[in-house]
PDB file of N, CA and C in Angstrom:
ATOM      1  N   UNK A   1      14.724  -4.227  18.334  1.00  0.00           N
ATOM      2  CA  UNK A   1      13.312  -4.208  18.002  1.00  0.00           C
ATOM      3  C   UNK A   1      12.921  -2.875  17.343  1.00  0.00           C
ATOM      4  N   UNK A   2      13.518  -1.780  17.798  1.00  0.00           N
ATOM      5  CA  UNK A   2      13.165  -0.476  17.265  1.00  0.00           C
ATOM      6  C   UNK A   2      13.612  -0.276  15.821  1.00  0.00           C
ATOM      7  N   UNK A   3      14.621  -1.010  15.393  1.00  0.00           N
ATOM      8  CA  UNK A   3      15.150  -0.803  14.045  1.00  0.00           C
ATOM      9  C   UNK A   3      14.813  -1.930  13.071  1.00  0.00           C
ATOM     10  N   UNK A   4      13.971  -2.874  13.478  1.00  0.00           N
ATOM     11  CA  UNK A   4      13.704  -4.017  12.597  1.00  0.00           C
ATOM     12  C   UNK A   4      13.024  -3.618  11.293  1.00  0.00           C
ATOM     13  N   UNK A   5      12.175  -2.603  11.333  1.00  0.00           N
ATOM     14  CA  UNK A   5      11.527  -2.197  10.084  1.00  0.00           C
ATOM     15  C   UNK A   5      12.519  -1.549   9.129  1.00  0.00           C
ATOM     16  N   UNK A   6      13.446  -0.782   9.679  1.00  0.00           N
ATOM     17  CA  UNK A   6      14.478  -0.162   8.846  1.00  0.00           C
ATOM     18  C   UNK A   6      15.389  -1.222   8.225  1.00  0.00           C
ATOM     19  N   UNK A   7      15.773  -2.205   9.024  1.00  0.00           N
ATOM     20  CA  UNK A   7      16.640  -3.277   8.508  1.00  0.00           C
ATOM     21  C   UNK A   7      15.908  -4.076   7.427  1.00  0.00           C
ATOM     22  N   UNK A   8      14.623  -4.342   7.644  1.00  0.00           N
ATOM     23  CA  UNK A   8      13.844  -5.047   6.634  1.00  0.00           C
ATOM     24  C   UNK A   8      13.751  -4.272   5.342  1.00  0.00           C
ATOM     25  N   UNK A   9      13.558  -2.971   5.446  1.00  0.00           N
ATOM     26  CA  UNK A   9      13.505  -2.124   4.246  1.00  0.00           C
ATOM     27  C   UNK A   9      14.820  -2.141   3.501  1.00  0.00           C
ATOM     28  N   UNK A  10      15.923  -2.144   4.229  1.00  0.00           N
ATOM     29  CA  UNK A  10      17.234  -2.187   3.582  1.00  0.00           C
ATOM     30  C   UNK A  10      17.457  -3.527   2.875  1.00  0.00           C
ATOM     31  N   UNK A  11      16.985  -4.598   3.473  1.00  0.00           N
ATOM     32  CA  UNK A  11      17.148  -5.924   2.875  1.00  0.00           C
ATOM     33  C   UNK A  11      16.274  -6.061   1.633  1.00  0.00           C
ATOM     34  N   UNK A  12      15.025  -5.633   1.733  1.00  0.00           N
ATOM     35  CA  UNK A  12      14.055  -5.858   0.665  1.00  0.00           C
ATOM     36  C   UNK A  12      13.936  -4.700  -0.320  1.00  0.00           C
ATOM     37  N   UNK A  13      14.339  -3.519   0.059  1.00  0.00           N
ATOM     38  CA  UNK A  13      14.105  -2.322  -0.727  1.00  0.00           C
ATOM     39  C   UNK A  13      14.701  -2.331  -2.116  1.00  0.00           C
ATOM     40  N   UNK A  14      15.847  -2.941  -2.300  1.00  0.00           N
ATOM     41  CA  UNK A  14      16.489  -2.899  -3.603  1.00  0.00           C
ATOM     42  C   UNK A  14      16.223  -4.141  -4.449  1.00  0.00           C
ATOM     43  N   UNK A  15      15.457  -5.059  -3.931  1.00  0.00           N
ATOM     44  CA  UNK A  15      15.176  -6.293  -4.653  1.00  0.00           C
ATOM     45  C   UNK A  15      14.031  -6.058  -5.626  1.00  0.00           C
ATOM     46  N   UNK A  16      14.180  -6.512  -6.851  1.00  0.00           N
ATOM     47  CA  UNK A  16      13.128  -6.320  -7.845  1.00  0.00           C
ATOM     48  C   UNK A  16      12.484  -7.649  -8.234  1.00  0.00           C
ATOM     49  N   UNK A  17      12.401  -8.571  -7.290  1.00  0.00           N
ATOM     50  CA  UNK A  17      11.828  -9.874  -7.598  1.00  0.00           C
ATOM     51  C   UNK A  17      10.333  -9.750  -7.892  1.00  0.00           C
ATOM     52  N   UNK A  18       9.817 -10.674  -8.653  1.00  0.00           N
ATOM     53  CA  UNK A  18       8.403 -10.703  -9.002  1.00  0.00           C
ATOM     54  C   UNK A  18       7.557 -10.834  -7.738  1.00  0.00           C
ATOM     55  N   UNK A  19       7.995 -11.660  -6.804  1.00  0.00           N
ATOM     56  CA  UNK A  19       7.243 -11.878  -5.574  1.00  0.00           C
ATOM     57  C   UNK A  19       7.114 -10.587  -4.761  1.00  0.00           C
ATOM     58  N   UNK A  20       8.201  -9.831  -4.642  1.00  0.00           N
ATOM     59  CA  UNK A  20       8.128  -8.579  -3.894  1.00  0.00           C
ATOM     60  C   UNK A  20       7.266  -7.553  -4.610  1.00  0.00           C
ATOM     61  N   UNK A  21       7.336  -7.503  -5.927  1.00  0.00           N
ATOM     62  CA  UNK A  21       6.465  -6.591  -6.671  1.00  0.00           C
ATOM     63  C   UNK A  21       5.004  -6.982  -6.499  1.00  0.00           C
ATOM     64  N   UNK A  22       4.728  -8.283  -6.461  1.00  0.00           N
ATOM     65  CA  UNK A  22       3.366  -8.749  -6.242  1.00  0.00           C
ATOM     66  C   UNK A  22       2.881  -8.301  -4.862  1.00  0.00           C
ATOM     67  N   UNK A  23       3.752  -8.409  -3.829  1.00  0.00           N
ATOM     68  CA  UNK A  23       3.358  -7.957  -2.489  1.00  0.00           C
ATOM     69  C   UNK A  23       3.058  -6.478  -2.486  1.00  0.00           C
ATOM     70  N   UNK A  24       3.769  -5.691  -3.270  1.00  0.00           N
ATOM     71  CA  UNK A  24       3.513  -4.247  -3.332  1.00  0.00           C
ATOM     72  C   UNK A  24       2.170  -3.953  -3.987  1.00  0.00           C
ATOM     73  N   UNK A  25       1.822  -4.721  -4.996  1.00  0.00           N
ATOM     74  CA  UNK A  25       0.518  -4.569  -5.652  1.00  0.00           C
ATOM     75  C   UNK A  25      -0.592  -4.967  -4.686  1.00  0.00           C
ATOM     76  N   UNK A  26      -0.390  -6.058  -3.973  1.00  0.00           N
ATOM     77  CA  UNK A  26      -1.390  -6.534  -3.020  1.00  0.00           C
ATOM     78  C   UNK A  26      -1.622  -5.497  -1.921  1.00  0.00           C
ATOM     79  N   UNK A  27      -0.581  -4.803  -1.492  1.00  0.00           N
ATOM     80  CA  UNK A  27      -0.733  -3.772  -0.470  1.00  0.00           C
ATOM     81  C   UNK A  27      -1.665  -2.661  -0.953  1.00  0.00           C
ATOM     82  N   UNK A  28      -1.545  -2.280  -2.211  1.00  0.00           N
ATOM     83  CA  UNK A  28      -2.413  -1.246  -2.786  1.00  0.00           C
ATOM     84  C   UNK A  28      -3.850  -1.755  -2.872  1.00  0.00           C
ATOM     85  N   UNK A  29      -4.014  -2.958  -3.372  1.00  0.00           N
ATOM     86  CA  UNK A  29      -5.352  -3.540  -3.526  1.00  0.00           C
ATOM     87  C   UNK A  29      -6.013  -3.729  -2.163  1.00  0.00           C
ATOM     88  N   UNK A  30      -5.256  -4.204  -1.187  1.00  0.00           N
ATOM     89  CA  UNK A  30      -5.799  -4.431   0.151  1.00  0.00           C
ATOM     90  C   UNK A  30      -6.244  -3.112   0.781  1.00  0.00           C
ATOM     91  N   UNK A  31      -5.447  -2.075   0.614  1.00  0.00           N
ATOM     92  CA  UNK A  31      -5.811  -0.774   1.156  1.00  0.00           C
ATOM     93  C   UNK A  31      -7.070  -0.250   0.484  1.00  0.00           C
ATOM     94  N   UNK A  32      -7.135  -0.353  -0.842  1.00  0.00           N
ATOM     95  CA  UNK A  32      -8.324   0.088  -1.572  1.00  0.00           C
ATOM     96  C   UNK A  32      -9.561  -0.673  -1.093  1.00  0.00           C
ATOM     97  N   UNK A  33      -9.431  -1.973  -0.970  1.00  0.00           N
ATOM     98  CA  UNK A  33     -10.545  -2.808  -0.528  1.00  0.00           C
ATOM     99  C   UNK A  33     -10.988  -2.420   0.886  1.00  0.00           C
ATOM    100  N   UNK A  34     -10.033  -2.247   1.771  1.00  0.00           N
ATOM    101  CA  UNK A  34     -10.354  -1.881   3.148  1.00  0.00           C
ATOM    102  C   UNK A  34     -11.079  -0.539   3.215  1.00  0.00           C
ATOM    103  N   UNK A  35     -10.625   0.419   2.434  1.00  0.00           N
ATOM    104  CA  UNK A  35     -11.238   1.743   2.461  1.00  0.00           C
ATOM    105  C   UNK A  35     -12.644   1.762   1.874  1.00  0.00           C
ATOM    106  N   UNK A  36     -12.869   1.002   0.819  1.00  0.00           N
ATOM    107  CA  UNK A  36     -14.135   1.099   0.088  1.00  0.00           C
ATOM    108  C   UNK A  36     -15.209   0.120   0.552  1.00  0.00           C
ATOM    109  N   UNK A  37     -14.882  -0.716   1.516  1.00  0.00           N
ATOM    110  CA  UNK A  37     -15.866  -1.668   2.032  1.00  0.00           C
ATOM    111  C   UNK A  37     -16.334  -1.228   3.416  1.00  0.00           C
ATOM    112  N   UNK A  38     -17.622  -1.406   3.670  1.00  0.00           N
ATOM    113  CA  UNK A  38     -18.155  -1.115   4.996  1.00  0.00           C
ATOM    114  C   UNK A  38     -17.660  -2.180   5.970  1.00  0.00           C
ATOM    115  N   UNK A  39     -17.244  -1.721   7.121  1.00  0.00           N
ATOM    116  CA  UNK A  39     -16.784  -2.604   8.193  1.00  0.00           C
ATOM    117  C   UNK A  39     -17.655  -2.319   9.421  1.00  0.00           C
ATOM    118  N   UNK A  40     -17.674  -3.241  10.372  1.00  0.00           N
ATOM    119  CA  UNK A  40     -18.474  -2.983  11.581  1.00  0.00           C
ATOM    120  C   UNK A  40     -18.053  -1.704  12.309  1.00  0.00           C
ATOM    121  N   UNK A  41     -16.828  -1.288  12.105  1.00  0.00           N
ATOM    122  CA  UNK A  41     -16.285  -0.148  12.833  1.00  0.00           C
ATOM    123  C   UNK A  41     -16.127   1.112  11.969  1.00  0.00           C
ATOM    124  N   UNK A  42     -16.518   1.055  10.674  1.00  0.00           N
ATOM    125  CA  UNK A  42     -16.382   2.240   9.823  1.00  0.00           C
ATOM    126  C   UNK A  42     -17.284   2.138   8.599  1.00  0.00           C
ATOM    127  N   UNK A  43     -17.609   3.304   8.052  1.00  0.00           N
ATOM    128  CA  UNK A  43     -18.370   3.367   6.800  1.00  0.00           C
ATOM    129  C   UNK A  43     -17.408   3.245   5.620  1.00  0.00           C
ATOM    130  N   UNK A  44     -17.929   2.806   4.496  1.00  0.00           N
ATOM    131  CA  UNK A  44     -17.126   2.710   3.274  1.00  0.00           C
ATOM    132  C   UNK A  44     -16.812   4.101   2.744  1.00  0.00           C
ATOM    133  N   UNK A  45     -15.598   4.253   2.238  1.00  0.00           N
ATOM    134  CA  UNK A  45     -15.210   5.502   1.564  1.00  0.00           C
ATOM    135  C   UNK A  45     -15.756   5.480   0.139  1.00  0.00           C
ATOM    136  N   UNK A  46     -15.920   6.651  -0.435  1.00  0.00           N
ATOM    137  CA  UNK A  46     -16.218   6.747  -1.862  1.00  0.00           C
ATOM    138  C   UNK A  46     -14.984   6.288  -2.635  1.00  0.00           C
ATOM    139  N   UNK A  47     -15.203   5.670  -3.784  1.00  0.00           N
ATOM    140  CA  UNK A  47     -14.095   5.183  -4.606  1.00  0.00           C
ATOM    141  C   UNK A  47     -13.133   6.322  -4.942  1.00  0.00           C
ATOM    142  N   UNK A  48     -13.664   7.469  -5.310  1.00  0.00           N
ATOM    143  CA  UNK A  48     -12.809   8.614  -5.663  1.00  0.00           C
ATOM    144  C   UNK A  48     -11.920   9.030  -4.493  1.00  0.00           C
ATOM    145  N   UNK A  49     -12.468   8.985  -3.280  1.00  0.00           N
ATOM    146  CA  UNK A  49     -11.675   9.348  -2.104  1.00  0.00           C
ATOM    147  C   UNK A  49     -10.564   8.336  -1.849  1.00  0.00           C
ATOM    148  N   UNK A  50     -10.871   7.065  -2.041  1.00  0.00           N
ATOM    149  CA  UNK A  50      -9.854   6.022  -1.862  1.00  0.00           C
ATOM    150  C   UNK A  50      -8.735   6.172  -2.895  1.00  0.00           C
ATOM    151  N   UNK A  51      -9.104   6.440  -4.125  1.00  0.00           N
ATOM    152  CA  UNK A  51      -8.103   6.644  -5.179  1.00  0.00           C
ATOM    153  C   UNK A  51      -7.244   7.863  -4.867  1.00  0.00           C
ATOM    154  N   UNK A  52      -7.860   8.919  -4.398  1.00  0.00           N
ATOM    155  CA  UNK A  52      -7.091  10.115  -4.034  1.00  0.00           C
ATOM    156  C   UNK A  52      -6.095   9.826  -2.921  1.00  0.00           C
ATOM    157  N   UNK A  53      -6.486   9.022  -1.938  1.00  0.00           N
ATOM    158  CA  UNK A  53      -5.556   8.665  -0.867  1.00  0.00           C
ATOM    159  C   UNK A  53      -4.384   7.861  -1.417  1.00  0.00           C
ATOM    160  N   UNK A  54      -4.667   6.890  -2.287  1.00  0.00           N
ATOM    161  CA  UNK A  54      -3.588   6.085  -2.873  1.00  0.00           C
ATOM    162  C   UNK A  54      -2.618   6.979  -3.643  1.00  0.00           C
ATOM    163  N   UNK A  55      -3.147   7.919  -4.400  1.00  0.00           N
ATOM    164  CA  UNK A  55      -2.288   8.840  -5.149  1.00  0.00           C
ATOM    165  C   UNK A  55      -1.463   9.711  -4.206  1.00  0.00           C
ATOM    166  N   UNK A  56      -2.091  10.180  -3.136  1.00  0.00           N
ATOM    167  CA  UNK A  56      -1.395  11.019  -2.158  1.00  0.00           C
ATOM    168  C   UNK A  56      -0.258  10.247  -1.479  1.00  0.00           C
ATOM    169  N   UNK A  57      -0.475   8.966  -1.213  1.00  0.00           N
ATOM    170  CA  UNK A  57       0.506   8.152  -0.505  1.00  0.00           C
ATOM    171  C   UNK A  57       1.539   7.508  -1.449  1.00  0.00           C
ATOM    172  N   UNK A  58       1.356   7.690  -2.753  1.00  0.00           N
ATOM    173  CA  UNK A  58       2.337   7.161  -3.718  1.00  0.00           C
ATOM    174  C   UNK A  58       3.676   7.840  -3.476  1.00  0.00           C
ATOM    175  N   UNK A  59       4.687   7.022  -3.343  1.00  0.00           N
ATOM    176  CA  UNK A  59       6.020   7.560  -3.091  1.00  0.00           C
ATOM    177  C   UNK A  59       6.403   7.492  -1.630  1.00  0.00           C
ATOM    178  N   UNK A  60       5.418   7.335  -0.755  1.00  0.00           N
ATOM    179  CA  UNK A  60       5.750   7.182   0.666  1.00  0.00           C
ATOM    180  C   UNK A  60       5.299   5.823   1.194  1.00  0.00           C
ATOM    181  N   UNK A  61       4.049   5.474   0.953  1.00  0.00           N
ATOM    182  CA  UNK A  61       3.554   4.160   1.381  1.00  0.00           C
ATOM    183  C   UNK A  61       3.419   3.168   0.235  1.00  0.00           C
ATOM    184  N   UNK A  62       3.265   3.673  -0.964  1.00  0.00           N
ATOM    185  CA  UNK A  62       3.035   2.807  -2.108  1.00  0.00           C
ATOM    186  C   UNK A  62       3.988   3.181  -3.249  1.00  0.00           C
ATOM    187  N   UNK A  63       4.289   2.186  -4.084  1.00  0.00           N
ATOM    188  CA  UNK A  63       5.134   2.413  -5.261  1.00  0.00           C
ATOM    189  C   UNK A  63       4.372   3.293  -6.255  1.00  0.00           C
ATOM    190  N   UNK A  64       4.920   4.447  -6.615  1.00  0.00           N
ATOM    191  CA  UNK A  64       4.214   5.359  -7.523  1.00  0.00           C
ATOM    192  C   UNK A  64       3.813   4.718  -8.844  1.00  0.00           C
ATOM    193  N   UNK A  65       4.695   3.937  -9.433  1.00  0.00           N
ATOM    194  CA  UNK A  65       4.387   3.318 -10.730  1.00  0.00           C
ATOM    195  C   UNK A  65       3.247   2.319 -10.613  1.00  0.00           C
ATOM    196  N   UNK A  66       3.149   1.660  -9.467  1.00  0.00           N
ATOM    197  CA  UNK A  66       2.069   0.696  -9.276  1.00  0.00           C
ATOM    198  C   UNK A  66       0.746   1.386  -8.992  1.00  0.00           C
ATOM    199  N   UNK A  67       0.789   2.523  -8.342  1.00  0.00           N
ATOM    200  CA  UNK A  67      -0.440   3.284  -8.090  1.00  0.00           C
ATOM    201  C   UNK A  67      -1.026   3.778  -9.403  1.00  0.00           C
ATOM    202  N   UNK A  68      -0.142   4.185 -10.332  1.00  0.00           N
ATOM    203  CA  UNK A  68      -0.630   4.638 -11.657  1.00  0.00           C
ATOM    204  C   UNK A  68      -1.409   3.529 -12.335  1.00  0.00           C
TER     205      UNK A  68
END
């Protein structure tokens, strides 16, 4: 159980399928949407702040080329 995320990354990390690239784009869009929308438990971020976070996380949480 402790290594399932690592094993998943090894399985999926080198695949360049359209479906996996689409999931990577959706992850960026979902994060942007979550940050910039008001929720019952948080205020909306400014768009500039959300973009800065995406840029900061490019290369670790998000594909750098897709963030661009």
